[in-house]
Every structure is written in C-alpha cells, then in structure tokens.
N, C-alpha and C. Protein backbone atom coordinates (compact mmCIF):
# COMPACT_ATOMS: atom_id res chain seq x y z
N MET A 1 -44.90 18.00 31.94
CA MET A 1 -43.67 18.17 31.35
C MET A 1 -43.00 16.50 31.40
N ALA A 2 -41.98 16.76 30.14
CA ALA A 2 -41.66 15.26 29.93
C ALA A 2 -40.67 14.97 31.24
N ALA A 3 -40.54 13.48 31.48
CA ALA A 3 -39.74 13.02 32.61
C ALA A 3 -38.49 12.92 32.45
N VAL A 4 -37.72 13.41 33.03
CA VAL A 4 -35.71 13.35 32.94
C VAL A 4 -35.42 11.77 33.18
N ARG A 5 -34.79 11.45 32.23
CA ARG A 5 -34.70 9.82 31.94
C ARG A 5 -33.04 9.16 32.37
N ARG A 6 -32.67 10.24 31.53
CA ARG A 6 -30.92 10.33 31.91
C ARG A 6 -30.34 11.51 31.73
N VAL A 7 -29.54 11.59 32.87
CA VAL A 7 -28.43 12.70 32.56
C VAL A 7 -27.25 12.13 32.78
N VAL A 8 -26.28 12.93 32.12
CA VAL A 8 -24.59 12.79 31.88
C VAL A 8 -23.73 13.95 32.41
N LEU A 9 -23.26 13.84 33.43
CA LEU A 9 -22.63 14.94 34.22
C LEU A 9 -20.95 15.06 33.82
N ASP A 10 -20.31 16.18 33.94
CA ASP A 10 -18.80 16.18 34.27
C ASP A 10 -18.92 17.08 35.41
N VAL A 11 -17.77 15.79 36.15
CA VAL A 11 -17.84 16.78 37.64
C VAL A 11 -16.56 16.43 38.05
N LEU A 12 -15.88 17.18 38.80
CA LEU A 12 -14.75 17.67 39.27
C LEU A 12 -15.29 17.13 40.91
N LYS A 13 -14.67 16.23 41.59
CA LYS A 13 -14.48 15.85 42.76
C LYS A 13 -12.89 15.36 43.38
N PRO A 14 -13.40 15.31 44.98
CA PRO A 14 -11.81 14.85 45.31
C PRO A 14 -11.64 13.80 45.70
N HIS A 15 -10.36 12.94 45.92
CA HIS A 15 -10.06 11.52 45.90
C HIS A 15 -11.01 10.98 46.94
N ASP A 16 -11.18 11.72 48.14
CA ASP A 16 -11.99 11.08 49.06
C ASP A 16 -13.35 11.80 48.93
N PRO A 17 -14.82 11.06 48.99
CA PRO A 17 -14.67 9.50 48.87
C PRO A 17 -14.28 8.91 47.74
N PRO A 18 -13.79 7.78 47.61
CA PRO A 18 -13.25 7.24 46.42
C PRO A 18 -14.69 6.74 45.43
N VAL A 19 -14.23 6.34 44.15
CA VAL A 19 -14.97 6.16 42.76
C VAL A 19 -16.18 5.32 43.55
N VAL A 20 -15.86 4.36 44.09
CA VAL A 20 -17.03 3.56 44.24
C VAL A 20 -18.00 4.23 45.01
N GLU A 21 -17.40 4.47 46.24
CA GLU A 21 -18.38 5.11 47.29
C GLU A 21 -19.05 6.14 46.80
N PHE A 22 -18.34 7.08 45.81
CA PHE A 22 -19.11 8.34 45.16
C PHE A 22 -20.24 7.75 44.65
N THR A 23 -20.27 7.03 43.80
CA THR A 23 -21.18 6.15 42.72
C THR A 23 -22.34 5.44 43.52
N GLU A 24 -21.85 5.01 44.52
CA GLU A 24 -22.99 4.52 45.31
C GLU A 24 -23.91 5.35 46.06
N ARG A 25 -23.08 6.29 46.64
CA ARG A 25 -24.15 7.29 47.01
C ARG A 25 -24.88 7.86 46.09
N ILE A 26 -24.43 8.24 45.00
CA ILE A 26 -25.11 8.82 43.99
C ILE A 26 -26.41 7.85 43.54
N ALA A 27 -26.11 6.62 43.47
CA ALA A 27 -26.97 6.10 43.19
C ALA A 27 -28.44 5.93 44.06
N ASP A 28 -27.76 6.26 45.55
CA ASP A 28 -29.00 6.45 46.40
C ASP A 28 -29.98 7.24 46.85
N VAL A 29 -29.62 8.53 45.37
CA VAL A 29 -30.42 9.54 45.47
C VAL A 29 -31.64 8.86 44.95
N ASP A 30 -32.99 9.49 45.76
CA ASP A 30 -34.47 9.34 45.36
C ASP A 30 -34.60 9.50 43.80
N GLY A 31 -35.25 8.69 43.07
CA GLY A 31 -35.42 8.72 41.64
C GLY A 31 -34.43 8.07 40.82
N VAL A 32 -33.30 7.97 41.42
CA VAL A 32 -32.09 7.06 40.73
C VAL A 32 -32.32 5.65 40.63
N ASP A 33 -32.26 5.28 39.23
CA ASP A 33 -32.16 3.69 39.46
C ASP A 33 -31.07 3.33 39.15
N GLY A 34 -30.05 3.84 38.48
CA GLY A 34 -28.90 3.18 38.36
C GLY A 34 -28.13 4.59 38.22
N ALA A 35 -26.41 4.37 38.52
CA ALA A 35 -25.22 5.43 38.21
C ALA A 35 -24.09 4.63 37.86
N THR A 36 -23.39 5.00 36.78
CA THR A 36 -22.18 4.71 36.60
C THR A 36 -21.18 6.41 36.67
N CYS A 37 -19.87 5.86 37.01
CA CYS A 37 -19.17 6.82 37.17
C CYS A 37 -17.58 6.22 36.48
N SER A 38 -16.77 7.22 35.46
CA SER A 38 -15.82 6.64 34.77
C SER A 38 -14.88 7.90 34.95
N LEU A 39 -13.82 7.40 35.35
CA LEU A 39 -12.85 8.20 35.43
C LEU A 39 -11.90 8.80 34.27
N ILE A 40 -12.36 10.29 34.11
CA ILE A 40 -11.79 10.94 32.69
C ILE A 40 -10.28 11.16 33.43
N GLU A 41 -9.72 11.74 34.23
CA GLU A 41 -8.52 12.52 34.82
C GLU A 41 -8.22 12.57 35.93
N LEU A 42 -7.22 12.09 36.37
CA LEU A 42 -6.54 12.41 37.86
C LEU A 42 -5.33 13.45 38.02
N ASP A 43 -5.46 13.81 39.02
CA ASP A 43 -4.30 14.65 39.29
C ASP A 43 -4.02 14.58 40.85
N GLN A 44 -3.32 15.38 41.51
CA GLN A 44 -2.57 15.32 42.66
C GLN A 44 -4.09 15.35 43.88
N GLU A 45 -4.78 16.56 43.55
CA GLU A 45 -5.86 16.46 44.44
C GLU A 45 -7.51 16.28 44.17
N VAL A 46 -7.60 16.11 42.69
CA VAL A 46 -9.00 15.96 42.13
C VAL A 46 -9.07 14.94 41.40
N GLN A 47 -10.30 14.51 41.10
CA GLN A 47 -10.70 13.71 39.92
C GLN A 47 -11.50 14.06 38.97
N ASN A 48 -11.19 14.10 37.46
CA ASN A 48 -12.61 14.51 36.70
C ASN A 48 -13.32 13.12 36.46
N VAL A 49 -14.35 13.06 36.71
CA VAL A 49 -15.39 11.63 36.15
C VAL A 49 -16.61 12.35 35.39
N LYS A 50 -16.90 11.17 34.65
CA LYS A 50 -18.14 11.16 34.10
C LYS A 50 -19.24 10.49 34.84
N VAL A 51 -20.10 11.35 35.06
CA VAL A 51 -21.15 10.91 35.73
C VAL A 51 -22.56 10.50 35.19
N THR A 52 -23.28 9.44 34.89
CA THR A 52 -24.05 8.74 34.40
C THR A 52 -25.15 8.54 35.14
N VAL A 53 -26.54 8.95 35.23
CA VAL A 53 -27.44 8.41 36.01
C VAL A 53 -28.68 8.21 35.35
N GLU A 54 -29.58 7.22 35.39
CA GLU A 54 -30.58 7.07 35.29
C GLU A 54 -31.90 6.62 35.73
N GLY A 55 -33.09 7.13 35.24
CA GLY A 55 -34.42 6.86 36.53
C GLY A 55 -35.46 7.20 35.65
N ASP A 56 -36.49 6.85 36.32
CA ASP A 56 -38.00 7.10 35.72
C ASP A 56 -38.33 8.29 35.61
N ASP A 57 -37.74 9.13 36.72
CA ASP A 57 -38.21 10.53 36.41
C ASP A 57 -37.16 11.10 37.47
N LEU A 58 -35.94 11.68 36.90
CA LEU A 58 -34.98 12.01 37.78
C LEU A 58 -35.14 13.54 38.23
N GLU A 59 -34.62 13.70 39.44
CA GLU A 59 -34.87 15.19 39.79
C GLU A 59 -33.49 15.64 39.83
N PHE A 60 -32.95 16.46 38.78
CA PHE A 60 -31.88 17.12 38.64
C PHE A 60 -30.90 17.48 39.93
N SER A 61 -31.69 18.86 40.52
CA SER A 61 -31.75 19.45 41.41
C SER A 61 -31.02 18.43 42.82
N ALA A 62 -31.68 17.16 43.16
CA ALA A 62 -31.42 16.45 44.13
C ALA A 62 -30.09 15.60 43.84
N VAL A 63 -29.72 15.16 42.21
CA VAL A 63 -28.29 14.76 42.09
C VAL A 63 -27.31 15.64 42.18
N ASP A 64 -27.71 16.96 41.74
CA ASP A 64 -26.50 18.09 41.93
C ASP A 64 -26.15 18.01 43.35
N ARG A 65 -26.95 18.09 44.38
CA ARG A 65 -26.99 18.63 45.70
C ARG A 65 -26.28 17.22 46.17
N ALA A 66 -26.42 15.95 45.74
CA ALA A 66 -25.44 15.01 46.35
C ALA A 66 -24.10 15.12 46.00
N VAL A 67 -24.02 15.65 44.84
CA VAL A 67 -22.58 15.80 44.29
C VAL A 67 -21.88 16.82 45.06
N ALA A 68 -22.49 17.50 45.17
CA ALA A 68 -22.05 19.03 46.00
C ALA A 68 -21.79 18.28 47.74
N ASP A 69 -22.38 17.50 48.13
CA ASP A 69 -22.46 16.89 49.65
C ASP A 69 -21.22 16.07 49.41
N LEU A 70 -20.91 15.71 48.36
CA LEU A 70 -19.56 14.62 48.56
C LEU A 70 -18.51 15.46 48.11
N GLY A 71 -18.75 16.73 48.14
CA GLY A 71 -17.39 17.63 47.81
C GLY A 71 -17.01 17.76 46.22
N GLY A 72 -18.14 17.63 45.47
CA GLY A 72 -17.73 17.52 44.09
C GLY A 72 -18.64 18.75 43.72
N SER A 73 -18.31 18.91 42.39
CA SER A 73 -19.02 20.16 41.53
C SER A 73 -19.33 19.86 40.27
N VAL A 74 -20.37 20.28 39.65
CA VAL A 74 -20.66 19.94 38.36
C VAL A 74 -20.31 20.94 37.36
N HIS A 75 -19.41 20.42 36.29
CA HIS A 75 -18.86 21.53 35.41
C HIS A 75 -19.97 21.18 34.37
N SER A 76 -20.54 20.49 33.64
CA SER A 76 -21.07 20.78 33.10
C SER A 76 -22.32 19.67 32.77
N VAL A 77 -23.04 19.94 32.32
CA VAL A 77 -24.61 18.91 31.90
C VAL A 77 -24.36 18.47 30.34
N ASP A 78 -23.88 17.21 29.91
CA ASP A 78 -23.41 16.72 28.78
C ASP A 78 -24.08 16.00 28.02
N GLN A 79 -25.34 15.87 28.75
CA GLN A 79 -26.45 14.98 28.04
C GLN A 79 -27.44 14.67 28.68
N VAL A 80 -28.90 15.39 28.04
CA VAL A 80 -30.10 15.00 28.93
C VAL A 80 -31.06 13.85 28.06
N ALA A 81 -31.70 12.92 28.67
CA ALA A 81 -32.81 12.60 27.79
C ALA A 81 -34.13 12.28 28.58
N CYS A 82 -35.30 12.73 27.92
CA CYS A 82 -36.42 13.06 28.61
C CYS A 82 -37.29 12.39 27.90
N GLY A 83 -38.43 12.46 28.44
CA GLY A 83 -39.51 11.43 27.43
C GLY A 83 -40.04 10.07 27.95
N ASP A 84 -40.99 9.41 27.16
CA ASP A 84 -41.36 7.89 27.72
C ASP A 84 -40.12 7.04 27.99
N TYR A 85 -39.23 7.14 27.21
CA TYR A 85 -37.92 6.27 27.36
C TYR A 85 -36.63 7.07 26.98
N ALA A 86 -35.58 6.49 27.56
CA ALA A 86 -34.40 7.05 27.08
C ALA A 86 -33.77 6.79 25.56
N VAL A 87 -33.67 7.71 24.43
CA VAL A 87 -33.48 7.33 23.35
C VAL A 87 -32.01 7.19 22.88
N ALA A 88 -31.38 6.23 22.62
CA ALA A 88 -30.09 5.95 22.43
C ALA A 88 -29.49 6.63 21.41
N ASP A 89 -27.89 6.82 21.63
CA ASP A 89 -27.39 7.94 20.65
C ASP A 89 -26.99 7.26 19.25
N ARG A 90 -27.53 7.93 18.23
CA ARG A 90 -27.35 6.95 17.08
C ARG A 90 -26.45 7.88 15.98
N PRO A 91 -25.48 7.33 15.20
CA PRO A 91 -24.31 8.38 14.58
C PRO A 91 -25.17 8.97 13.62
N THR A 92 -24.68 10.46 13.65
CA THR A 92 -25.24 11.15 12.37
C THR A 92 -24.55 11.76 11.65
N LEU A 93 -24.58 12.43 10.22
CA LEU A 93 -23.63 13.16 9.30
C LEU A 93 -23.05 13.83 9.90
N GLN A 94 -23.20 14.77 11.04
CA GLN A 94 -22.30 15.83 11.94
C GLN A 94 -21.27 14.69 12.95
N ASP A 95 -21.42 13.72 13.03
CA ASP A 95 -20.38 12.97 13.98
C ASP A 95 -19.38 12.74 13.14
N GLY A 96 -19.27 12.69 11.41
CA GLY A 96 -18.05 12.53 10.65
C GLY A 96 -17.38 11.44 10.47
C-alpha cells in the first residue's frame, strides 16, 4: 500500500492547549516530520483550525488519537497525499 505523505484536517479544539503547544504535540507524533496549524475561526469556547501534517509514512490513527488526547476532534479530512512523494496542488479548469 502507498505511504501516506500529507494529511490536511479540519479540527475543532478547545482554547487550551494554545495553538503553539497543540501544534508541537501533533509534530511529536511518531512518523510526523512536520506539522502546521492555522486558525480558521475563533469563538468563546473553541477554535476551528486547519492542521497539516507531513511525513514519510504517516499513521492517520496516531494523528487522530493525538488530536483527541488534546481535547480536539477531527471534523473532516480535507486532503490526503500518498505515494513516493506528495504531489503539489495545481490549478485545474474546475477551479475556475
């Protein structure tokens, strides 16, 4: 089976831990070479963030478990890249 190289997640998380600590903890998951977290929406009790993780052979269940252990929940998996390398997005006619 092809290796999972990148996963982009829509995550709902509490304010604590803060985004920096949350991202550091996701980056510490075995198999994750790098992680980014972008704040999408903020309200009084939760934050909606986009989480991107990359690695040579990611284990999605480990990333999902880490998000849950930090009090978050994955709303959707918005992108997955698999294979020998992660293919960069390219504009297509459908992007319009």
